[in-house]
C-alpha atoms as a PDB file:
ATOM      1  CA  MET A   1     123.577  58.729 115.833  1.00  0.00           C
ATOM      2  CA  THR A   2     124.415  60.211 119.303  1.00  0.00           C
ATOM      3  CA  GLU A   3     124.112  57.742 121.592  1.00  0.00           C
ATOM      4  CA  TRP A   4     121.925  57.733 125.769  1.00  0.00           C
ATOM      5  CA  TRP A   5     123.883  58.967 128.301  1.00  0.00           C
ATOM      6  CA  LYS A   6     124.632  56.665 131.581  1.00  0.00           C
ATOM      7  CA  ALA A   7     122.748  58.605 134.000  1.00  0.00           C
ATOM      8  CA  GLU A   8     118.977  60.122 133.788  1.00  0.00           C
ATOM      9  CA  ARG A   9     119.136  63.405 135.197  1.00  0.00           C
ATOM     10  CA  ALA A  10     116.807  66.317 136.024  1.00  0.00           C
ATOM     11  CA  ARG A  11     117.465  69.774 136.590  1.00  0.00           C
ATOM     12  CA  HIS A  12     121.544  69.407 135.782  1.00  0.00           C
ATOM     13  CA  THR A  13     123.411  72.181 133.736  1.00  0.00           C
ATOM     14  CA  ALA A  14     124.496  71.728 129.934  1.00  0.00           C
ATOM     15  CA  THR A  15     127.007  74.106 129.072  1.00  0.00           C
ATOM     16  CA  LEU A  16     129.313  74.640 125.993  1.00  0.00           C
ATOM     17  CA  LEU A  17     132.943  74.551 126.157  1.00  0.00           C
ATOM     18  CA  GLY A  18     135.335  76.250 123.732  1.00  0.00           C
ATOM     19  CA  ASP A  19     136.616  72.971 122.257  1.00  0.00           C
ATOM     20  CA  GLY A  20     132.737  71.971 121.074  1.00  0.00           C
ATOM     21  CA  ASP A  21     131.670  70.025 123.940  1.00  0.00           C
ATOM     22  CA  VAL A  22     128.827  69.936 126.230  1.00  0.00           C
ATOM     23  CA  LEU A  23     129.860  69.299 129.986  1.00  0.00           C
ATOM     24  CA  ILE A  24     126.265  67.712 131.750  1.00  0.00           C
ATOM     25  CA  ALA A  25     126.737  68.580 135.048  1.00  0.00           C
ATOM     26  CA  GLY A  26     124.977  67.406 138.570  1.00  0.00           C
ATOM     27  CA  GLY A  27     121.358  66.613 138.754  1.00  0.00           C
ATOM     28  CA  TYR A  28     119.224  63.960 140.147  1.00  0.00           C
ATOM     29  CA  ASN A  29     117.702  60.769 138.943  1.00  0.00           C
ATOM     30  CA  GLY A  30     114.274  61.113 140.696  1.00  0.00           C
ATOM     31  CA  PHE A  31     113.173  60.907 137.505  1.00  0.00           C
ATOM     32  CA  GLY A  32     113.330  58.117 134.736  1.00  0.00           C
ATOM     33  CA  PRO A  33     111.768  54.413 133.450  1.00  0.00           C
ATOM     34  CA  GLY A  34     112.153  53.044 136.712  1.00  0.00           C
ATOM     35  CA  GLY A  35     111.696  56.507 138.816  1.00  0.00           C
ATOM     36  CA  GLY A  36     115.072  56.624 139.879  1.00  0.00           C
ATOM     37  CA  SER A  37     115.955  56.573 143.332  1.00  0.00           C
ATOM     38  CA  ASN A  38     115.749  60.437 144.131  1.00  0.00           C
ATOM     39  CA  THR A  39     119.547  61.250 144.927  1.00  0.00           C
ATOM     40  CA  THR A  40     121.926  63.219 143.641  1.00  0.00           C
ATOM     41  CA  ILE A  41     124.201  62.615 141.192  1.00  0.00           C
ATOM     42  CA  GLY A  42     127.796  62.676 141.980  1.00  0.00           C
ATOM     43  CA  THR A  43     128.925  62.003 138.557  1.00  0.00           C
ATOM     44  CA  ASP A  44     129.717  64.382 134.879  1.00  0.00           C
ATOM     45  CA  GLN A  45     129.910  63.640 131.429  1.00  0.00           C
ATOM     46  CA  LEU A  46     130.698  65.364 128.132  1.00  0.00           C
ATOM     47  CA  LEU A  47     129.488  64.939 125.328  1.00  0.00           C
ATOM     48  CA  ASP A  48     131.336  64.862 122.053  1.00  0.00           C
ATOM     49  CA  PRO A  49     129.268  66.462 119.123  1.00  0.00           C
ATOM     50  CA  ALA A  50     131.963  65.183 116.302  1.00  0.00           C
ATOM     51  CA  THR A  51     131.566  61.318 117.101  1.00  0.00           C
ATOM     52  CA  GLY A  52     128.134  61.352 118.998  1.00  0.00           C
ATOM     53  CA  LYS A  53     129.561  59.816 122.165  1.00  0.00           C
ATOM     54  CA  TRP A  54     129.504  60.457 125.966  1.00  0.00           C
ATOM     55  CA  LEU A  55     132.523  60.770 127.695  1.00  0.00           C
ATOM     56  CA  GLU A  56     133.100  60.445 131.725  1.00  0.00           C
ATOM     57  CA  ALA A  57     134.376  63.818 133.084  1.00  0.00           C
ATOM     58  CA  ALA A  58     135.535  64.637 136.706  1.00  0.00           C
ATOM     59  CA  PRO A  59     132.910  64.707 139.201  1.00  0.00           C
ATOM     60  CA  MET A  60     132.331  67.770 140.844  1.00  0.00           C
ATOM     61  CA  LEU A  61     133.222  68.273 144.707  1.00  0.00           C
ATOM     62  CA  VAL A  62     130.154  68.484 145.705  1.00  0.00           C
ATOM     63  CA  ALA A  63     127.153  66.682 144.203  1.00  0.00           C
ATOM     64  CA  ARG A  64     124.531  69.046 143.356  1.00  0.00           C
ATOM     65  CA  SER A  65     121.334  69.787 141.765  1.00  0.00           C
ATOM     66  CA  GLY A  66     119.473  72.954 140.159  1.00  0.00           C
ATOM     67  CA  GLN A  67     123.177  74.889 140.282  1.00  0.00           C
ATOM     68  CA  THR A  68     123.784  77.532 137.794  1.00  0.00           C
ATOM     69  CA  ALA A  69     126.621  76.840 135.884  1.00  0.00           C
ATOM     70  CA  THR A  70     129.086  80.091 133.749  1.00  0.00           C
ATOM     71  CA  LEU A  71     131.568  79.698 131.058  1.00  0.00           C
ATOM     72  CA  LEU A  72     134.309  81.866 131.642  1.00  0.00           C
ATOM     73  CA  ARG A  73     136.269  83.769 129.013  1.00  0.00           C
ATOM     74  CA  ASP A  74     139.691  81.590 130.183  1.00  0.00           C
ATOM     75  CA  GLY A  75     137.394  78.857 129.201  1.00  0.00           C
ATOM     76  CA  GLU A  76     136.883  77.313 132.880  1.00  0.00           C
ATOM     77  CA  VAL A  77     132.833  76.997 133.881  1.00  0.00           C
ATOM     78  CA  LEU A  78     131.954  78.372 137.261  1.00  0.00           C
ATOM     79  CA  VAL A  79     129.441  76.385 138.769  1.00  0.00           C
ATOM     80  CA  VAL A  80     127.432  78.032 142.308  1.00  0.00           C
ATOM     81  CA  GLY A  81     124.637  77.211 144.388  1.00  0.00           C
ATOM     82  CA  GLY A  82     122.642  74.048 143.736  1.00  0.00           C
ATOM     83  CA  SER A  83     121.162  71.538 146.381  1.00  0.00           C
ATOM     84  CA  GLU A  84     123.099  68.669 147.618  1.00  0.00           C
ATOM     85  CA  THR A  85     119.833  66.568 148.196  1.00  0.00           C
ATOM     86  CA  PRO A  86     116.902  66.957 145.991  1.00  0.00           C
ATOM     87  CA  GLU A  87     114.724  67.971 149.232  1.00  0.00           C
ATOM     88  CA  ASP A  88     117.551  70.231 150.500  1.00  0.00           C
ATOM     89  CA  LYS A  89     115.440  73.634 151.310  1.00  0.00           C
ATOM     90  CA  GLU A  90     118.164  75.902 151.947  1.00  0.00           C
ATOM     91  CA  GLY A  91     120.511  74.682 149.038  1.00  0.00           C
ATOM     92  CA  ALA A  92     124.298  74.673 148.622  1.00  0.00           C
ATOM     93  CA  LYS A  93     126.113  77.385 149.667  1.00  0.00           C
ATOM     94  CA  THR A  94     129.446  76.703 147.733  1.00  0.00           C
ATOM     95  CA  ALA A  95     131.010  76.927 144.317  1.00  0.00           C
ATOM     96  CA  GLU A  96     133.633  75.499 142.079  1.00  0.00           C
ATOM     97  CA  LEU A  97     135.426  75.661 138.610  1.00  0.00           C
ATOM     98  CA  TYR A  98     135.814  72.890 136.314  1.00  0.00           C
ATOM     99  CA  ASP A  99     138.937  73.166 133.565  1.00  0.00           C
ATOM    100  CA  PRO A 100     138.100  71.494 130.590  1.00  0.00           C
ATOM    101  CA  ALA A 101     141.567  71.478 129.754  1.00  0.00           C
ATOM    102  CA  THR A 102     143.176  68.961 132.817  1.00  0.00           C
ATOM    103  CA  ASN A 103     139.393  67.424 133.127  1.00  0.00           C
ATOM    104  CA  THR A 104     139.272  68.689 137.273  1.00  0.00           C
ATOM    105  CA  TRP A 105     137.232  70.499 139.695  1.00  0.00           C
ATOM    106  CA  THR A 106     138.595  72.891 141.984  1.00  0.00           C
ATOM    107  CA  SER A 107     136.990  74.860 144.927  1.00  0.00           C
ATOM    108  CA  ALA A 108     136.345  78.907 144.094  1.00  0.00           C
ATOM    109  CA  PRO A 109     135.030  81.404 146.489  1.00  0.00           C
ATOM    110  CA  ALA A 110     131.464  81.580 146.973  1.00  0.00           C
ATOM    111  CA  PRO A 111     129.425  85.008 147.239  1.00  0.00           C
ATOM    112  CA  VAL A 112     129.113  85.929 151.486  1.00  0.00           C
ATOM    113  CA  GLU A 113     126.221  84.624 153.267  1.00  0.00           C
ATOM    114  CA  LEU A 114     124.275  83.556 150.121  1.00  0.00           C
ATOM    115  CA  LEU A 115     121.525  81.240 150.580  1.00  0.00           C
ATOM    116  CA  GLU A 116     120.404  80.290 147.225  1.00  0.00           C
ATOM    117  CA  ALA A 117     121.636  80.717 143.525  1.00  0.00           C
ATOM    118  CA  ARG A 118     118.471  81.046 141.214  1.00  0.00           C
ATOM    119  CA  GLY A 119     120.552  82.484 137.867  1.00  0.00           C
ATOM    120  CA  ALA A 120     123.923  83.521 136.602  1.00  0.00           C
ATOM    121  CA  THR A 121     125.218  84.966 133.229  1.00  0.00           C
ATOM    122  CA  LEU A 122     128.196  86.292 131.825  1.00  0.00           C
ATOM    123  CA  LEU A 123     128.533  90.156 131.634  1.00  0.00           C
ATOM    124  CA  SER A 124     130.312  91.642 128.526  1.00  0.00           C
ATOM    125  CA  ASP A 125     133.490  92.435 130.325  1.00  0.00           C
ATOM    126  CA  GLY A 126     134.099  88.676 131.713  1.00  0.00           C
ATOM    127  CA  ARG A 127     132.326  89.186 134.979  1.00  0.00           C
ATOM    128  CA  VAL A 128     129.562  87.102 136.054  1.00  0.00           C
ATOM    129  CA  LEU A 129     126.262  87.982 137.058  1.00  0.00           C
ATOM    130  CA  LEU A 130     124.309  85.864 139.974  1.00  0.00           C
ATOM    131  CA  ILE A 131     120.830  86.360 141.604  1.00  0.00           C
ATOM    132  CA  GLY A 132     119.902  84.195 144.716  1.00  0.00           C
ATOM    133  CA  LEU A 133     119.225  85.096 148.218  1.00  0.00           C
ATOM    134  CA  PHE A 134     121.623  86.436 150.632  1.00  0.00           C
ATOM    135  CA  LYS A 135     121.088  86.773 154.398  1.00  0.00           C
ATOM    136  CA  GLY A 136     120.286  89.630 155.941  1.00  0.00           C
ATOM    137  CA  GLN A 137     117.981  90.749 153.001  1.00  0.00           C
ATOM    138  CA  PRO A 138     115.543  93.484 154.425  1.00  0.00           C
ATOM    139  CA  PHE A 139     112.319  91.574 153.108  1.00  0.00           C
ATOM    140  CA  PRO A 140     112.729  87.560 151.817  1.00  0.00           C
ATOM    141  CA  GLY A 141     111.104  88.294 148.672  1.00  0.00           C
ATOM    142  CA  VAL A 142     113.705  90.601 147.369  1.00  0.00           C
ATOM    143  CA  ALA A 143     116.208  89.292 145.320  1.00  0.00           C
ATOM    144  CA  GLY A 144     120.511  89.820 146.343  1.00  0.00           C
ATOM    145  CA  THR A 145     122.622  90.322 142.993  1.00  0.00           C
ATOM    146  CA  ALA A 146     126.847  89.865 143.121  1.00  0.00           C
ATOM    147  CA  ILE A 147     129.508  90.196 140.617  1.00  0.00           C
ATOM    148  CA  TYR A 148     132.542  87.860 140.734  1.00  0.00           C
ATOM    149  CA  ASP A 149     135.324  88.698 138.987  1.00  0.00           C
ATOM    150  CA  PRO A 150     137.505  85.785 137.524  1.00  0.00           C
ATOM    151  CA  VAL A 151     141.284  87.953 137.410  1.00  0.00           C
ATOM    152  CA  SER A 152     140.776  88.858 141.308  1.00  0.00           C
ATOM    153  CA  GLY A 153     138.544  85.995 142.735  1.00  0.00           C
ATOM    154  CA  ASN A 154     136.077  88.177 144.702  1.00  0.00           C
ATOM    155  CA  TRP A 155     132.667  88.631 144.743  1.00  0.00           C
ATOM    156  CA  SER A 156     130.851  92.076 145.466  1.00  0.00           C
ATOM    157  CA  ARG A 157     127.421  92.652 146.194  1.00  0.00           C
ATOM    158  CA  VAL A 158     125.681  95.073 143.900  1.00  0.00           C
ATOM    159  CA  ALA A 159     122.413  96.560 143.067  1.00  0.00           C
ATOM    160  CA  SER A 160     119.254  94.147 143.495  1.00  0.00           C
ATOM    161  CA  PRO A 161     116.019  93.344 141.577  1.00  0.00           C
ATOM    162  CA  LYS A 162     112.934  94.460 142.403  1.00  0.00           C
ATOM    163  CA  ARG A 163     111.530  90.922 142.508  1.00  0.00           C
ATOM    164  CA  LEU A 164     113.052  87.552 143.813  1.00  0.00           C
ATOM    165  CA  ARG A 165     112.499  85.061 140.572  1.00  0.00           C
ATOM    166  CA  TYR A 166     112.549  81.264 140.774  1.00  0.00           C
ATOM    167  CA  GLY A 167     112.677  79.838 137.537  1.00  0.00           C
ATOM    168  CA  ALA A 168     113.586  83.392 135.511  1.00  0.00           C
ATOM    169  CA  ALA A 169     115.619  83.624 132.589  1.00  0.00           C
ATOM    170  CA  LEU A 170     118.331  85.743 132.405  1.00  0.00           C
ATOM    171  CA  THR A 171     119.890  86.934 129.123  1.00  0.00           C
ATOM    172  CA  LEU A 172     123.037  89.372 128.364  1.00  0.00           C
ATOM    173  CA  LEU A 173     122.083  91.671 125.369  1.00  0.00           C
ATOM    174  CA  PRO A 174     124.114  93.327 122.774  1.00  0.00           C
ATOM    175  CA  ASN A 175     124.145  96.660 125.082  1.00  0.00           C
ATOM    176  CA  GLY A 176     126.093  94.419 127.476  1.00  0.00           C
ATOM    177  CA  GLU A 177     122.588  94.651 129.801  1.00  0.00           C
ATOM    178  CA  VAL A 178     120.744  91.979 131.202  1.00  0.00           C
ATOM    179  CA  ILE A 179     117.382  91.257 130.686  1.00  0.00           C
ATOM    180  CA  VAL A 180     115.586  89.045 133.580  1.00  0.00           C
ATOM    181  CA  MET A 181     111.964  87.479 132.531  1.00  0.00           C
ATOM    182  CA  ASP A 182     109.200  86.145 133.869  1.00  0.00           C
ATOM    183  CA  GLY A 183     109.528  83.490 137.121  1.00  0.00           C
ATOM    184  CA  PHE A 184     107.538  83.061 139.852  1.00  0.00           C
ATOM    185  CA  THR A 185     107.874  83.311 143.665  1.00  0.00           C
ATOM    186  CA  TRP A 186     106.111  81.744 146.711  1.00  0.00           C
ATOM    187  CA  GLU A 187     104.853  82.394 150.423  1.00  0.00           C
ATOM    188  CA  GLN A 188     103.067  80.040 152.847  1.00  0.00           C
ATOM    189  CA  VAL A 189      99.906  81.607 153.749  1.00  0.00           C
ATOM    190  CA  TRP A 190      97.227  80.380 156.737  1.00  0.00           C
ATOM    191  CA  ASN A 191      94.622  79.150 155.391  1.00  0.00           C
ATOM    192  CA  ASN A 192      92.465  76.807 157.837  1.00  0.00           C
ATOM    193  CA  GLY A 193      96.587  75.597 157.739  1.00  0.00           C
ATOM    194  CA  VAL A 194      99.474  76.392 156.353  1.00  0.00           C
ATOM    195  CA  GLU A 195      99.506  76.571 152.219  1.00  0.00           C
ATOM    196  CA  THR A 196     101.563  77.116 149.807  1.00  0.00           C
ATOM    197  CA  LYS A 197     100.784  79.952 147.515  1.00  0.00           C
ATOM    198  CA  TYR A 198     102.666  80.379 144.318  1.00  0.00           C
ATOM    199  CA  THR A 199     102.661  83.786 142.212  1.00  0.00           C
ATOM    200  CA  VAL A 200     104.283  83.091 138.482  1.00  0.00           C
ATOM    201  CA  PHE A 201     105.212  86.869 136.783  1.00  0.00           C
ATOM    202  CA  ALA A 202     105.015  88.401 133.425  1.00  0.00           C
ATOM    203  CA  SER A 203     106.970  91.117 134.534  1.00  0.00           C
ATOM    204  CA  VAL A 204     110.443  92.507 132.956  1.00  0.00           C
ATOM    205  CA  GLU A 205     113.987  93.700 134.556  1.00  0.00           C
ATOM    206  CA  GLU A 206     117.049  95.249 133.151  1.00  0.00           C
ATOM    207  CA  TYR A 207     120.403  95.410 134.746  1.00  0.00           C
ATOM    208  CA  ASP A 208     122.818  97.681 133.731  1.00  0.00           C
ATOM    209  CA  PRO A 209     126.483  97.157 134.933  1.00  0.00           C
ATOM    210  CA  ALA A 210     127.901 100.555 133.855  1.00  0.00           C
ATOM    211  CA  THR A 211     125.205 102.451 136.386  1.00  0.00           C
ATOM    212  CA  ASP A 212     124.582  98.973 138.603  1.00  0.00           C
ATOM    213  CA  THR A 213     120.901  99.755 137.781  1.00  0.00           C
ATOM    214  CA  TRP A 214     117.878  97.815 137.839  1.00  0.00           C
ATOM    215  CA  SER A 215     114.592  98.916 135.850  1.00  0.00           C
ATOM    216  CA  GLU A 216     111.671  97.338 134.294  1.00  0.00           C
ATOM    217  CA  THR A 217     110.588  97.126 131.260  1.00  0.00           C
ATOM    218  CA  ALA A 218     107.712  96.463 129.032  1.00  0.00           C
ATOM    219  CA  PRO A 219     106.124  92.647 130.821  1.00  0.00           C
ATOM    220  CA  MET A 220     105.366  89.767 128.555  1.00  0.00           C
ATOM    221  CA  ASN A 221     102.671  88.740 127.089  1.00  0.00           C
ATOM    222  CA  HIS A 222     101.907  85.307 129.112  1.00  0.00           C
ATOM    223  CA  ALA A 223     102.862  85.077 132.845  1.00  0.00           C
ATOM    224  CA  ARG A 224     105.551  81.937 132.860  1.00  0.00           C
ATOM    225  CA  ALA A 225     108.603  80.012 134.619  1.00  0.00           C
ATOM    226  CA  ASP A 226     111.306  78.028 133.992  1.00  0.00           C
ATOM    227  CA  GLN A 227     110.628  78.985 130.246  1.00  0.00           C
ATOM    228  CA  THR A 228     113.991  79.491 127.837  1.00  0.00           C
ATOM    229  CA  ALA A 229     115.429  82.970 126.176  1.00  0.00           C
ATOM    230  CA  THR A 230     117.850  82.614 123.076  1.00  0.00           C
ATOM    231  CA  LEU A 231     119.873  85.558 122.013  1.00  0.00           C
END
């Protein structure tokens, strides 16, 4: 029987490593039997499925929640963005790499002018596709996109999707394209006071790295956000 981890947490990431262990990184403890203290968790943990045991992992350089985490071909894990406190509206604009071989975190470059990282996935060629908010975008409701090259350690901005989506699912398809499904957006509107209006999408977009183009495809039957998507 697998023992329970030592820190209750929400908005953390869980990444399957090359050796079969699972890295649990970041999050905040606003949930749990005692309600938590609503602070960002600075510790990370490793689950060994063979023994069912939880082990302490080195903490990230920046405690964060809601970040992206992507396993690279060399076995390292790239973490981008997130929030340094649960109430942080702007989000962290930093990135770091976890090396399972040495159990260490090192600083990594972040995309220039990154405001929020909203989702990431590994491409077929080993690069990482990141969707988020960037400074200088023409419209606040439009997402920006960047690609990270682990060989050079550089980010480059690429074509942007039609919609900015919070809570969307990014999935790499067998043909090398990335499908981005559903999600939601929000805006503040005036209705005898400032209100937050949320819009949940059923729409779907696909990104083709070979041509650096986005295209809309058939929508899902139901609009939803924060769903899972498994190939």
